[in-house]
Protein backbone atom coordinates (compact mmCIF):
# COMPACT_ATOMS: atom_id res chain seq x y z
CA UNK A 1 -14.22 -79.81 -12.37
CA UNK A 2 -13.76 -81.76 -9.12
CA UNK A 3 -16.00 -80.83 -6.18
CA UNK A 4 -14.54 -78.73 -3.40
CA UNK A 5 -13.63 -80.84 -0.44
CA UNK A 6 -13.86 -79.52 3.11
CA UNK A 7 -15.34 -76.14 2.25
CA UNK A 8 -18.85 -75.08 3.13
CA UNK A 9 -20.69 -72.86 0.66
CA UNK A 10 -19.93 -69.20 1.25
CA UNK A 11 -22.79 -67.18 2.68
CA UNK A 12 -23.11 -63.45 2.28
CA UNK A 13 -23.00 -61.38 5.45
CA UNK A 14 -26.38 -59.76 6.05
CA UNK A 15 -26.58 -56.25 4.68
CA UNK A 16 -27.95 -53.81 7.18
CA UNK A 17 -30.29 -51.10 6.03
CA UNK A 18 -29.20 -47.53 6.66
CA UNK A 19 -30.96 -45.86 9.57
CA UNK A 20 -33.38 -43.00 9.08
CA UNK A 21 -30.87 -40.67 10.75
CA UNK A 22 -28.07 -41.74 8.37
CA UNK A 23 -30.33 -41.18 5.37
CA UNK A 24 -31.48 -37.81 6.69
CA UNK A 25 -27.90 -36.59 7.20
CA UNK A 26 -26.76 -37.78 3.77
CA UNK A 27 -29.83 -36.31 2.06
CA UNK A 28 -29.22 -32.98 3.76
CA UNK A 29 -25.58 -32.97 2.62
CA UNK A 30 -26.62 -33.80 -0.96
CA UNK A 31 -29.28 -31.09 -0.87
CA UNK A 32 -26.72 -28.52 0.31
CA UNK A 33 -24.24 -29.58 -2.38
CA UNK A 34 -26.96 -29.11 -5.01
CA UNK A 35 -27.57 -25.51 -3.92
CA UNK A 36 -30.54 -26.16 -1.60
CA UNK A 37 -33.25 -26.47 -4.28
CA UNK A 38 -36.85 -26.47 -3.07
CA UNK A 39 -39.40 -29.21 -3.72
CA UNK A 40 -36.96 -32.09 -4.34
CA UNK A 41 -36.91 -33.71 -0.89
CA UNK A 42 -37.91 -37.16 -2.16
CA UNK A 43 -35.18 -37.09 -4.81
CA UNK A 44 -32.46 -36.36 -2.27
CA UNK A 45 -33.86 -38.89 0.21
CA UNK A 46 -33.83 -41.64 -2.41
CA UNK A 47 -30.34 -40.72 -3.62
CA UNK A 48 -29.02 -40.73 -0.06
CA UNK A 49 -30.61 -44.08 0.71
CA UNK A 50 -29.17 -45.62 -2.47
CA UNK A 51 -25.69 -44.24 -1.80
CA UNK A 52 -25.69 -45.65 1.72
CA UNK A 53 -26.84 -49.07 0.53
CA UNK A 54 -24.15 -49.10 -2.16
CA UNK A 55 -21.49 -48.12 0.36
CA UNK A 56 -22.44 -51.07 2.53
CA UNK A 57 -22.04 -53.48 -0.38
CA UNK A 58 -18.64 -52.07 -1.31
CA UNK A 59 -17.34 -51.94 2.27
CA UNK A 60 -13.87 -53.46 2.30
CA UNK A 61 -14.68 -55.18 5.59
CA UNK A 62 -17.04 -57.47 3.66
CA UNK A 63 -14.32 -59.30 1.73
CA UNK A 64 -14.42 -63.12 1.60
CA UNK A 65 -11.42 -63.23 3.97
CA UNK A 66 -13.36 -61.26 6.59
CA UNK A 67 -16.52 -63.39 6.41
C-alpha cells in the first residue's frame, strides 16, 4: 500500500469529562426512573458518569470531517 501523501496523521479531539453537576443530574434522573430505590447512590452515579462519557464519544460533532 503506498504511503499517504500530504496528509498528517489524524488526532482525536480531546474528550472532556462530564462535570459533577451533569453527573448529579443524570444520576438523579436514573434514580427516579428506577423507582427511587434507597442505598444505591454509587450505582446510579457510576451509571450516569458512564452514560455521559459514552455520549461524548458518540457525539456526531466528533466525526473526522469536523476535526
